[in-house]
Structure formats: structure tokens, C-alpha cells
Amino acid sequence: MTGFGRSKTVEDGYEILVEIKSVNHRYFEYSSRIARPFQFLDEKVKQLCKQSIARGKVEVGVSISDNSENSVTLELNEAYANAYIAALKKLSEKYKLKNDLKLSSVVNNSELFTVKKSETDEERLTGLVCRTVTDAIDSFNTMRAAEGEKLVTDVTERAGYILERVAEVEKRSPETVKEYRERLENKIKELLGDTNVDEQRLLTETAIFADKIAVAEETVRLRSHISALLSLFDTGGDIGKKLDFIVQEMNRETNTIGSKAQDIEIGKIVVDIKSEIEKIREQIQNIE
């Protein structure tokens, strides 16, 4: 399911920003943006996300700034400094230059100092990042819950429309048998002239046709699948895969109705139903 969550923590000299976003995907797929020095955090962040997010292509960005006083130290390269100053004095003496050696005249030499970053307290930083990730996940899930309510409403409305169309199929199906009998009787009369039609044979052929195109079992099962789909929304938990299966079955029954009915009007209804099922299928990809 699509979603976005963000959280920021400023503590112990650290400034941590976590952003989580996801787009529709059938399974859980994780990627992250974490600076190389903090890659040791990646697996922990992934596990926290996986515990709360069952489906979706999830991208997590973790930004960490260490602003503590001891985060960076400068170390004087004393051996180099001694040699450097001695060389300057020698230069002054040899060429009779004024010796105005001052601190300000030597500090610009980048070789005098070595910049060292302090060791990261990995345990402390891990705790801060995990707390920030958890807060971001809470924000993420709050947004997805609001979106989920709209999604359920949309699927419910589409399911209701399908049921209306199924009712039209059930109403139309007996009419196709009646129309077939009339066409068959007219055809026989056309071929045989005024000869009386064998009523028993006509009934038999009509019964065979009616059995061949009967879709009552399929419409009953389709209604049952829709009922099961809607009831899952009330159960909660991880229902995404169950919804996938039910929608597949809905599509299977609809295809069977279309192939058996042999009627243009029912065929049009089947196209409408399949269109709505496809829209439902797309929507439930967002549901865990």
C-alpha cells in the first residue's frame, strides 16, 4: 500500500531523520538510503519495517548528523611541525630574512594537523535510530490506515455493483432458454412447412440447451466469493493473499458464465463484471 512516514530525533549530539515511503507491490520489498559509515544499522532497520509492513515496495531513508562537541578532533603532527618550523628558521638565517614567525603564519599548512572523527557509539546510535524508525513507522501506518478506509469503501461499492449485474444475469438467463425454444420451433416450421412440430422433441432439445447454458451454479458461487471478500475486511490481520485468491475465483466464475451463456446481452454484462473485478484486483494489491 502506498504511504509515507517521517520522524526526527535530536539527542546526544545526534540529529536523525527517518523517512519511509512505499508503493503498491504484492510482496514486501525493501531498499534503503543510509550513509556508508552507518551501514551497520541497515539490517536492524529492515527488520523493524518487516515486522510492521507485510506488503509494498518500501524505501527507507536514514540521515544521521553527529553534531556533538567530541565528534571531530584535530591531532598535531608534532614531528612534522618541528621539522617545518626548524626549516623556516634555517631559511631566515641563510637568506638573512626577518624572522617574523607567528602562529598565524604556520596554521594554514594543512599537513600540521590530522582530522579524526571520534568512534561512533554504535549501541547508543542504534537505539536512537530504532526509536526514530519506530516513530516513522507509526506515522506511516496512520496514513495507510486512512487510505485503507477509502480503499475498502471503493472495493465494497464495486462489489455491490457486481452483485447488481449478477442479478441481471440471473434474470436474463431463463429468457435465453425461452428465446432458444422459439427460434428452434420457428426453424423447424420453416423447414417442415405446416407439419406439426413434435412437442416432446422440442422440449427435449430445449432442456438440453437449458442445461448447457445454465449458469445458476456459477452465479451462486460468484455471490459467495463476493460475500467472503467483504467479510475479510472485518477480520483484520494479514488478508492480502486471501483477497488475491478470492478475486481469482471471482474472475474464474465470471469467465465460465461468459463462455456458457451464449447470449449477447449476458456477454456485455460479463465484460462489465470483469472490468470491475480487475479494478478490485488492482486495489487489493494495496492491502496487507
C-alpha atoms as a PDB file:
ATOM      1  CA  MET A   1       0.000   0.000   0.000  1.00  0.00           C
ATOM      2  CA  THR A   2       1.204   3.488  -0.711  1.00  0.00           C
ATOM      3  CA  GLY A   3       2.188   5.507   2.315  1.00  0.00           C
ATOM      4  CA  PHE A   4       4.635   7.946   3.835  1.00  0.00           C
ATOM      5  CA  GLY A   5       6.005   8.391   7.345  1.00  0.00           C
ATOM      6  CA  ARG A   6       8.602  10.737   8.802  1.00  0.00           C
ATOM      7  CA  SER A   7      10.266  11.196  12.178  1.00  0.00           C
ATOM      8  CA  LYS A   8      13.146  13.256  13.550  1.00  0.00           C
ATOM      9  CA  THR A   9      15.212  12.850  16.721  1.00  0.00           C
ATOM     10  CA  VAL A  10      17.736  15.317  18.137  1.00  0.00           C
ATOM     11  CA  GLU A  11      19.552  13.855  21.128  1.00  0.00           C
ATOM     12  CA  ASP A  12      23.082  13.277  22.483  1.00  0.00           C
ATOM     13  CA  GLY A  13      24.515  15.485  19.745  1.00  0.00           C
ATOM     14  CA  TYR A  14      22.885  13.397  17.002  1.00  0.00           C
ATOM     15  CA  GLU A  15      20.306  14.654  14.553  1.00  0.00           C
ATOM     16  CA  ILE A  16      18.474  11.707  12.994  1.00  0.00           C
ATOM     17  CA  LEU A  17      15.877  11.950  10.247  1.00  0.00           C
ATOM     18  CA  VAL A  18      13.974   8.895   9.012  1.00  0.00           C
ATOM     19  CA  GLU A  19      11.580   8.882   6.064  1.00  0.00           C
ATOM     20  CA  ILE A  20       9.611   5.809   4.968  1.00  0.00           C
ATOM     21  CA  LYS A  21       7.598   5.591   1.787  1.00  0.00           C
ATOM     22  CA  SER A  22       6.060   2.718  -0.113  1.00  0.00           C
ATOM     23  CA  VAL A  23       4.234   1.993  -3.332  1.00  0.00           C
ATOM     24  CA  ASN A  24       1.988  -0.872  -4.338  1.00  0.00           C
ATOM     25  CA  HIS A  25       3.606  -4.304  -4.541  1.00  0.00           C
ATOM     26  CA  ARG A  26       2.337  -7.842  -3.972  1.00  0.00           C
ATOM     27  CA  TYR A  27       5.166  -8.697  -1.584  1.00  0.00           C
ATOM     28  CA  PHE A  28       7.458  -6.930   0.869  1.00  0.00           C
ATOM     29  CA  GLU A  29      10.420  -5.407  -0.947  1.00  0.00           C
ATOM     30  CA  TYR A  30      12.898  -3.265   0.987  1.00  0.00           C
ATOM     31  CA  SER A  31      15.524  -0.734  -0.066  1.00  0.00           C
ATOM     32  CA  SER A  32      17.366   1.909   1.940  1.00  0.00           C
ATOM     33  CA  ARG A  33      19.465   5.036   1.724  1.00  0.00           C
ATOM     34  CA  ILE A  34      21.945   5.008   4.619  1.00  0.00           C
ATOM     35  CA  ALA A  35      25.404   6.589   4.509  1.00  0.00           C
ATOM     36  CA  ARG A  36      28.274   4.100   4.337  1.00  0.00           C
ATOM     37  CA  PRO A  37      29.616   4.755   7.892  1.00  0.00           C
ATOM     38  CA  PHE A  38      26.217   3.758   9.280  1.00  0.00           C
ATOM     39  CA  GLN A  39      25.518   0.686   7.154  1.00  0.00           C
ATOM     40  CA  PHE A  40      25.647  -1.457  10.294  1.00  0.00           C
ATOM     41  CA  LEU A  41      22.143  -0.114  11.007  1.00  0.00           C
ATOM     42  CA  ASP A  42      20.570  -1.361   7.788  1.00  0.00           C
ATOM     43  CA  GLU A  43      19.571  -4.880   8.836  1.00  0.00           C
ATOM     44  CA  LYS A  44      18.017  -3.617  12.062  1.00  0.00           C
ATOM     45  CA  VAL A  45      16.003  -1.004  10.162  1.00  0.00           C
ATOM     46  CA  LYS A  46      14.865  -3.645   7.665  1.00  0.00           C
ATOM     47  CA  GLN A  47      13.639  -5.976  10.414  1.00  0.00           C
ATOM     48  CA  LEU A  48      11.687  -3.184  12.119  1.00  0.00           C
ATOM     49  CA  CYS A  49       9.942  -2.395   8.825  1.00  0.00           C
ATOM     50  CA  LYS A  50       9.261  -6.036   8.046  1.00  0.00           C
ATOM     51  CA  GLN A  51       7.592  -6.559  11.418  1.00  0.00           C
ATOM     52  CA  SER A  52       5.005  -3.852  10.684  1.00  0.00           C
ATOM     53  CA  ILE A  53       4.710  -3.827   6.878  1.00  0.00           C
ATOM     54  CA  ALA A  54       3.660  -7.032   5.146  1.00  0.00           C
ATOM     55  CA  ARG A  55       3.363  -5.794   1.551  1.00  0.00           C
ATOM     56  CA  GLY A  56       4.698  -2.971  -0.557  1.00  0.00           C
ATOM     57  CA  LYS A  57       7.872  -1.712  -2.165  1.00  0.00           C
ATOM     58  CA  VAL A  58       9.311   0.076   0.855  1.00  0.00           C
ATOM     59  CA  GLU A  59      12.084   2.673   0.671  1.00  0.00           C
ATOM     60  CA  VAL A  60      13.685   3.971   3.870  1.00  0.00           C
ATOM     61  CA  GLY A  61      15.951   6.986   4.092  1.00  0.00           C
ATOM     62  CA  VAL A  62      18.059   7.446   7.240  1.00  0.00           C
ATOM     63  CA  SER A  63      20.037  10.670   7.632  1.00  0.00           C
ATOM     64  CA  ILE A  64      22.433  10.975  10.602  1.00  0.00           C
ATOM     65  CA  SER A  65      24.412  14.065  11.630  1.00  0.00           C
ATOM     66  CA  ASP A  66      26.814  13.929  14.575  1.00  0.00           C
ATOM     67  CA  ASN A  67      26.996  17.456  15.968  1.00  0.00           C
ATOM     68  CA  SER A  68      28.463  16.587  19.355  1.00  0.00           C
ATOM     69  CA  GLU A  69      31.486  18.528  20.647  1.00  0.00           C
ATOM     70  CA  ASN A  70      33.722  15.477  20.530  1.00  0.00           C
ATOM     71  CA  SER A  71      32.630  14.232  17.137  1.00  0.00           C
ATOM     72  CA  VAL A  72      35.796  15.591  15.468  1.00  0.00           C
ATOM     73  CA  THR A  73      39.311  16.073  16.896  1.00  0.00           C
ATOM     74  CA  LEU A  74      42.490  17.630  15.476  1.00  0.00           C
ATOM     75  CA  GLU A  75      45.795  15.922  16.195  1.00  0.00           C
ATOM     76  CA  LEU A  76      49.020  17.860  15.838  1.00  0.00           C
ATOM     77  CA  ASN A  77      51.686  16.151  13.758  1.00  0.00           C
ATOM     78  CA  GLU A  78      54.475  17.177  16.138  1.00  0.00           C
ATOM     79  CA  ALA A  79      57.328  15.637  14.168  1.00  0.00           C
ATOM     80  CA  TYR A  80      56.261  17.440  11.042  1.00  0.00           C
ATOM     81  CA  ALA A  81      55.682  20.715  12.971  1.00  0.00           C
ATOM     82  CA  ASN A  82      59.174  20.596  14.491  1.00  0.00           C
ATOM     83  CA  ALA A  83      60.771  19.968  11.126  1.00  0.00           C
ATOM     84  CA  TYR A  84      58.662  22.631   9.447  1.00  0.00           C
ATOM     85  CA  ILE A  85      59.480  25.385  11.983  1.00  0.00           C
ATOM     86  CA  ALA A  86      63.169  24.431  12.016  1.00  0.00           C
ATOM     87  CA  ALA A  87      63.214  24.706   8.233  1.00  0.00           C
ATOM     88  CA  LEU A  88      61.641  28.168   8.388  1.00  0.00           C
ATOM     89  CA  LYS A  89      64.272  29.372  10.918  1.00  0.00           C
ATOM     90  CA  LYS A  90      67.058  27.977   8.752  1.00  0.00           C
ATOM     91  CA  LEU A  91      65.585  29.743   5.762  1.00  0.00           C
ATOM     92  CA  SER A  92      65.540  33.016   7.712  1.00  0.00           C
ATOM     93  CA  GLU A  93      69.166  32.675   8.830  1.00  0.00           C
ATOM     94  CA  LYS A  94      70.576  31.554   5.496  1.00  0.00           C
ATOM     95  CA  TYR A  95      68.993  34.278   3.465  1.00  0.00           C
ATOM     96  CA  LYS A  96      69.048  36.936   6.192  1.00  0.00           C
ATOM     97  CA  LEU A  97      65.276  37.293   6.190  1.00  0.00           C
ATOM     98  CA  LYS A  98      63.378  38.883   9.030  1.00  0.00           C
ATOM     99  CA  ASN A  99      62.231  36.189  11.389  1.00  0.00           C
ATOM    100  CA  ASP A 100      58.590  37.127  11.970  1.00  0.00           C
ATOM    101  CA  LEU A 101      57.423  33.596  12.552  1.00  0.00           C
ATOM    102  CA  LYS A 102      53.987  33.628  14.212  1.00  0.00           C
ATOM    103  CA  LEU A 103      51.278  31.046  14.848  1.00  0.00           C
ATOM    104  CA  SER A 104      49.083  32.664  12.217  1.00  0.00           C
ATOM    105  CA  SER A 105      51.768  32.159   9.593  1.00  0.00           C
ATOM    106  CA  VAL A 106      52.030  28.415  10.048  1.00  0.00           C
ATOM    107  CA  VAL A 107      48.499  27.194  10.847  1.00  0.00           C
ATOM    108  CA  ASN A 108      47.465  27.340   7.207  1.00  0.00           C
ATOM    109  CA  ASN A 109      49.772  24.430   6.477  1.00  0.00           C
ATOM    110  CA  SER A 110      47.283  21.543   6.153  1.00  0.00           C
ATOM    111  CA  GLU A 111      49.996  18.992   6.912  1.00  0.00           C
ATOM    112  CA  LEU A 112      50.318  20.170  10.522  1.00  0.00           C
ATOM    113  CA  PHE A 113      47.038  18.635  11.662  1.00  0.00           C
ATOM    114  CA  THR A 114      45.221  15.351  11.180  1.00  0.00           C
ATOM    115  CA  VAL A 115      41.412  15.439  11.356  1.00  0.00           C
ATOM    116  CA  LYS A 116      39.984  12.442  13.194  1.00  0.00           C
ATOM    117  CA  LYS A 117      36.376  11.567  13.764  1.00  0.00           C
ATOM    118  CA  SER A 118      35.557  10.105  17.123  1.00  0.00           C
ATOM    119  CA  GLU A 119      34.489   6.482  17.348  1.00  0.00           C
ATOM    120  CA  THR A 120      30.738   6.015  16.970  1.00  0.00           C
ATOM    121  CA  ASP A 121      28.941   4.595  19.963  1.00  0.00           C
ATOM    122  CA  GLU A 122      27.134   2.009  17.848  1.00  0.00           C
ATOM    123  CA  GLU A 123      24.919   0.701  20.623  1.00  0.00           C
ATOM    124  CA  ARG A 124      23.709   4.167  21.600  1.00  0.00           C
ATOM    125  CA  LEU A 125      23.203   5.247  17.985  1.00  0.00           C
ATOM    126  CA  THR A 126      21.346   2.028  17.157  1.00  0.00           C
ATOM    127  CA  GLY A 127      18.905   2.706  19.984  1.00  0.00           C
ATOM    128  CA  LEU A 128      18.246   6.267  18.796  1.00  0.00           C
ATOM    129  CA  VAL A 129      17.785   5.207  15.162  1.00  0.00           C
ATOM    130  CA  CYS A 130      15.480   2.309  16.049  1.00  0.00           C
ATOM    131  CA  ARG A 131      13.315   4.625  18.142  1.00  0.00           C
ATOM    132  CA  THR A 132      13.149   7.119  15.272  1.00  0.00           C
ATOM    133  CA  VAL A 133      12.337   4.368  12.752  1.00  0.00           C
ATOM    134  CA  THR A 134       9.556   3.073  15.013  1.00  0.00           C
ATOM    135  CA  ASP A 135       8.040   6.571  15.239  1.00  0.00           C
ATOM    136  CA  ALA A 136       8.262   6.915  11.450  1.00  0.00           C
ATOM    137  CA  ILE A 137       6.529   3.546  11.006  1.00  0.00           C
ATOM    138  CA  ASP A 138       3.719   4.688  13.326  1.00  0.00           C
ATOM    139  CA  SER A 139       3.279   7.811  11.200  1.00  0.00           C
ATOM    140  CA  PHE A 140       3.432   5.685   8.061  1.00  0.00           C
ATOM    141  CA  ASN A 141       0.774   3.279   9.315  1.00  0.00           C
ATOM    142  CA  THR A 142      -1.532   6.097  10.399  1.00  0.00           C
ATOM    143  CA  MET A 143      -1.501   7.450   6.869  1.00  0.00           C
ATOM    144  CA  ARG A 144      -2.056   3.997   5.389  1.00  0.00           C
ATOM    145  CA  ALA A 145      -4.968   3.320   7.745  1.00  0.00           C
ATOM    146  CA  ALA A 146      -6.746   6.424   6.464  1.00  0.00           C
ATOM    147  CA  GLU A 147      -6.064   5.366   2.882  1.00  0.00           C
ATOM    148  CA  GLY A 148      -7.202   1.824   3.699  1.00  0.00           C
ATOM    149  CA  GLU A 149     -10.631   3.045   4.799  1.00  0.00           C
ATOM    150  CA  LYS A 150     -11.108   4.757   1.450  1.00  0.00           C
ATOM    151  CA  LEU A 151      -9.887   1.649  -0.347  1.00  0.00           C
ATOM    152  CA  VAL A 152     -12.332  -0.631   1.474  1.00  0.00           C
ATOM    153  CA  THR A 153     -15.174   1.752   0.644  1.00  0.00           C
ATOM    154  CA  ASP A 154     -14.209   1.679  -3.029  1.00  0.00           C
ATOM    155  CA  VAL A 155     -13.967  -2.134  -3.174  1.00  0.00           C
ATOM    156  CA  THR A 156     -17.283  -2.504  -1.314  1.00  0.00           C
ATOM    157  CA  GLU A 157     -19.032  -0.226  -3.798  1.00  0.00           C
ATOM    158  CA  ARG A 158     -17.594  -2.129  -6.747  1.00  0.00           C
ATOM    159  CA  ALA A 159     -18.631  -5.448  -5.199  1.00  0.00           C
ATOM    160  CA  GLY A 160     -22.169  -4.074  -4.804  1.00  0.00           C
ATOM    161  CA  TYR A 161     -22.236  -3.109  -8.467  1.00  0.00           C
ATOM    162  CA  ILE A 162     -21.098  -6.610  -9.452  1.00  0.00           C
ATOM    163  CA  LEU A 163     -23.932  -8.121  -7.430  1.00  0.00           C
ATOM    164  CA  GLU A 164     -26.405  -5.916  -9.287  1.00  0.00           C
ATOM    165  CA  ARG A 165     -25.023  -7.157 -12.604  1.00  0.00           C
ATOM    166  CA  VAL A 166     -25.137 -10.771 -11.400  1.00  0.00           C
ATOM    167  CA  ALA A 167     -28.831 -10.291 -10.634  1.00  0.00           C
ATOM    168  CA  GLU A 168     -29.307  -9.147 -14.238  1.00  0.00           C
ATOM    169  CA  VAL A 169     -27.586 -12.316 -15.472  1.00  0.00           C
ATOM    170  CA  GLU A 170     -29.901 -14.445 -13.308  1.00  0.00           C
ATOM    171  CA  LYS A 171     -32.915 -12.597 -14.659  1.00  0.00           C
ATOM    172  CA  ARG A 172     -31.753 -12.803 -18.253  1.00  0.00           C
ATOM    173  CA  SER A 173     -30.707 -16.477 -18.252  1.00  0.00           C
ATOM    174  CA  PRO A 174     -34.241 -18.001 -18.343  1.00  0.00           C
ATOM    175  CA  GLU A 175     -35.141 -15.618 -21.149  1.00  0.00           C
ATOM    176  CA  THR A 176     -32.372 -17.047 -23.309  1.00  0.00           C
ATOM    177  CA  VAL A 177     -33.910 -20.527 -22.971  1.00  0.00           C
ATOM    178  CA  LYS A 178     -37.331 -19.194 -23.936  1.00  0.00           C
ATOM    179  CA  GLU A 179     -35.880 -17.376 -26.932  1.00  0.00           C
ATOM    180  CA  TYR A 180     -33.986 -20.514 -27.986  1.00  0.00           C
ATOM    181  CA  ARG A 181     -37.218 -22.575 -27.913  1.00  0.00           C
ATOM    182  CA  GLU A 182     -38.979 -20.005 -30.049  1.00  0.00           C
ATOM    183  CA  ARG A 183     -36.128 -19.865 -32.560  1.00  0.00           C
ATOM    184  CA  LEU A 184     -35.946 -23.652 -32.708  1.00  0.00           C
ATOM    185  CA  GLU A 185     -39.708 -24.002 -33.211  1.00  0.00           C
ATOM    186  CA  ASN A 186     -39.746 -21.375 -35.941  1.00  0.00           C
ATOM    187  CA  LYS A 187     -36.786 -23.023 -37.644  1.00  0.00           C
ATOM    188  CA  ILE A 188     -38.492 -26.434 -37.639  1.00  0.00           C
ATOM    189  CA  LYS A 189     -41.702 -24.949 -39.019  1.00  0.00           C
ATOM    190  CA  GLU A 190     -39.717 -23.178 -41.677  1.00  0.00           C
ATOM    191  CA  LEU A 191     -38.074 -26.409 -42.707  1.00  0.00           C
ATOM    192  CA  LEU A 192     -41.130 -28.673 -42.431  1.00  0.00           C
ATOM    193  CA  GLY A 193     -43.819 -26.273 -43.557  1.00  0.00           C
ATOM    194  CA  ASP A 194     -47.197 -26.784 -41.869  1.00  0.00           C
ATOM    195  CA  THR A 195     -46.253 -30.146 -40.433  1.00  0.00           C
ATOM    196  CA  ASN A 196     -46.980 -30.331 -36.727  1.00  0.00           C
ATOM    197  CA  VAL A 197     -43.915 -29.904 -34.555  1.00  0.00           C
ATOM    198  CA  ASP A 198     -43.011 -32.811 -32.306  1.00  0.00           C
ATOM    199  CA  GLU A 199     -43.604 -31.153 -28.960  1.00  0.00           C
ATOM    200  CA  GLN A 200     -41.721 -33.791 -26.996  1.00  0.00           C
ATOM    201  CA  ARG A 201     -38.672 -33.473 -29.225  1.00  0.00           C
ATOM    202  CA  LEU A 202     -38.855 -29.702 -28.891  1.00  0.00           C
ATOM    203  CA  LEU A 203     -38.971 -29.990 -25.114  1.00  0.00           C
ATOM    204  CA  THR A 204     -36.023 -32.370 -25.126  1.00  0.00           C
ATOM    205  CA  GLU A 205     -33.867 -30.091 -27.287  1.00  0.00           C
ATOM    206  CA  THR A 206     -34.819 -27.096 -25.177  1.00  0.00           C
ATOM    207  CA  ALA A 207     -33.935 -28.962 -21.968  1.00  0.00           C
ATOM    208  CA  ILE A 208     -30.551 -29.951 -23.378  1.00  0.00           C
ATOM    209  CA  PHE A 209     -29.861 -26.356 -24.344  1.00  0.00           C
ATOM    210  CA  ALA A 210     -31.030 -25.056 -20.968  1.00  0.00           C
ATOM    211  CA  ASP A 211     -28.699 -27.456 -19.170  1.00  0.00           C
ATOM    212  CA  LYS A 212     -25.813 -26.479 -21.420  1.00  0.00           C
ATOM    213  CA  ILE A 213     -26.132 -22.750 -20.784  1.00  0.00           C
ATOM    214  CA  ALA A 214     -27.216 -22.919 -17.144  1.00  0.00           C
ATOM    215  CA  VAL A 215     -25.128 -20.523 -15.042  1.00  0.00           C
ATOM    216  CA  ALA A 216     -27.007 -20.764 -11.764  1.00  0.00           C
ATOM    217  CA  GLU A 217     -24.156 -22.609 -10.046  1.00  0.00           C
ATOM    218  CA  GLU A 218     -21.644 -20.035 -11.229  1.00  0.00           C
ATOM    219  CA  THR A 219     -23.717 -17.047 -10.100  1.00  0.00           C
ATOM    220  CA  VAL A 220     -24.263 -18.644  -6.698  1.00  0.00           C
ATOM    221  CA  ARG A 221     -20.528 -19.213  -6.289  1.00  0.00           C
ATOM    222  CA  LEU A 222     -19.764 -15.702  -7.514  1.00  0.00           C
ATOM    223  CA  ARG A 223     -22.113 -14.279  -4.894  1.00  0.00           C
ATOM    224  CA  SER A 224     -20.439 -16.465  -2.273  1.00  0.00           C
ATOM    225  CA  HIS A 225     -16.983 -15.223  -3.260  1.00  0.00           C
ATOM    226  CA  ILE A 226     -18.107 -11.613  -3.019  1.00  0.00           C
ATOM    227  CA  SER A 227     -19.563 -12.263   0.428  1.00  0.00           C
ATOM    228  CA  ALA A 228     -16.292 -13.873   1.531  1.00  0.00           C
ATOM    229  CA  LEU A 229     -14.291 -10.950   0.143  1.00  0.00           C
ATOM    230  CA  LEU A 230     -16.322  -8.367   2.040  1.00  0.00           C
ATOM    231  CA  SER A 231     -16.262 -10.367   5.273  1.00  0.00           C
ATOM    232  CA  LEU A 232     -12.455 -10.433   5.229  1.00  0.00           C
ATOM    233  CA  PHE A 233     -12.392  -6.670   5.730  1.00  0.00           C
ATOM    234  CA  ASP A 234     -13.921  -7.216   9.168  1.00  0.00           C
ATOM    235  CA  THR A 235     -11.454  -9.879  10.246  1.00  0.00           C
ATOM    236  CA  GLY A 236      -8.312  -7.723  10.167  1.00  0.00           C
ATOM    237  CA  GLY A 237      -4.807  -9.142  10.117  1.00  0.00           C
ATOM    238  CA  ASP A 238      -2.892 -10.255   7.052  1.00  0.00           C
ATOM    239  CA  ILE A 239      -5.676 -10.693   4.467  1.00  0.00           C
ATOM    240  CA  GLY A 240      -3.944  -9.619   1.260  1.00  0.00           C
ATOM    241  CA  LYS A 241      -3.156 -13.092  -0.070  1.00  0.00           C
ATOM    242  CA  LYS A 242      -6.642 -14.356   0.779  1.00  0.00           C
ATOM    243  CA  LEU A 243      -8.139 -11.462  -1.147  1.00  0.00           C
ATOM    244  CA  ASP A 244      -5.917 -12.303  -4.111  1.00  0.00           C
ATOM    245  CA  PHE A 245      -7.220 -15.865  -4.138  1.00  0.00           C
ATOM    246  CA  ILE A 246     -10.886 -14.829  -3.854  1.00  0.00           C
ATOM    247  CA  VAL A 247     -10.577 -12.357  -6.722  1.00  0.00           C
ATOM    248  CA  GLN A 248      -9.022 -15.072  -8.877  1.00  0.00           C
ATOM    249  CA  GLU A 249     -12.028 -17.277  -8.152  1.00  0.00           C
ATOM    250  CA  MET A 250     -14.436 -14.428  -8.925  1.00  0.00           C
ATOM    251  CA  ASN A 251     -12.756 -13.987 -12.274  1.00  0.00           C
ATOM    252  CA  ARG A 252     -12.890 -17.732 -12.946  1.00  0.00           C
ATOM    253  CA  GLU A 253     -16.653 -17.932 -12.315  1.00  0.00           C
ATOM    254  CA  THR A 254     -17.266 -14.843 -14.459  1.00  0.00           C
ATOM    255  CA  ASN A 255     -15.318 -16.335 -17.360  1.00  0.00           C
ATOM    256  CA  THR A 256     -17.365 -19.535 -17.087  1.00  0.00           C
ATOM    257  CA  ILE A 257     -20.608 -17.555 -17.170  1.00  0.00           C
ATOM    258  CA  GLY A 258     -19.443 -15.775 -20.298  1.00  0.00           C
ATOM    259  CA  SER A 259     -18.439 -18.982 -22.072  1.00  0.00           C
ATOM    260  CA  LYS A 260     -21.623 -20.906 -21.155  1.00  0.00           C
ATOM    261  CA  ALA A 261     -24.300 -18.265 -21.600  1.00  0.00           C
ATOM    262  CA  GLN A 262     -24.110 -17.922 -25.420  1.00  0.00           C
ATOM    263  CA  ASP A 263     -26.044 -14.672 -25.223  1.00  0.00           C
ATOM    264  CA  ILE A 264     -25.015 -11.199 -26.385  1.00  0.00           C
ATOM    265  CA  GLU A 265     -26.704  -9.367 -23.524  1.00  0.00           C
ATOM    266  CA  ILE A 266     -25.158 -11.598 -20.874  1.00  0.00           C
ATOM    267  CA  GLY A 267     -21.833 -11.267 -22.704  1.00  0.00           C
ATOM    268  CA  LYS A 268     -21.996  -7.470 -22.273  1.00  0.00           C
ATOM    269  CA  ILE A 269     -22.758  -7.876 -18.577  1.00  0.00           C
ATOM    270  CA  VAL A 270     -19.825 -10.273 -18.192  1.00  0.00           C
ATOM    271  CA  VAL A 271     -17.489  -7.674 -19.733  1.00  0.00           C
ATOM    272  CA  ASP A 272     -18.702  -5.112 -17.169  1.00  0.00           C
ATOM    273  CA  ILE A 273     -18.238  -7.554 -14.302  1.00  0.00           C
ATOM    274  CA  LYS A 274     -14.720  -8.473 -15.450  1.00  0.00           C
ATOM    275  CA  SER A 275     -13.831  -4.794 -15.656  1.00  0.00           C
ATOM    276  CA  GLU A 276     -14.918  -4.235 -12.052  1.00  0.00           C
ATOM    277  CA  ILE A 277     -13.100  -7.367 -10.862  1.00  0.00           C
ATOM    278  CA  GLU A 278      -9.911  -6.097 -12.487  1.00  0.00           C
ATOM    279  CA  LYS A 279     -10.294  -2.766 -10.683  1.00  0.00           C
ATOM    280  CA  ILE A 280     -10.799  -4.620  -7.411  1.00  0.00           C
ATOM    281  CA  ARG A 281      -7.745  -6.748  -8.145  1.00  0.00           C
ATOM    282  CA  GLU A 282      -5.644  -3.617  -8.626  1.00  0.00           C
ATOM    283  CA  GLN A 283      -6.954  -2.122  -5.395  1.00  0.00           C
ATOM    284  CA  ILE A 284      -6.349  -5.129  -3.194  1.00  0.00           C
ATOM    285  CA  GLN A 285      -2.693  -5.175  -4.180  1.00  0.00           C
ATOM    286  CA  ASN A 286      -2.526  -2.320  -1.686  1.00  0.00           C
ATOM    287  CA  ILE A 287      -3.993  -4.367   1.156  1.00  0.00           C
ATOM    288  CA  GLU A 288      -1.844  -6.376   3.525  1.00  0.00           C
END
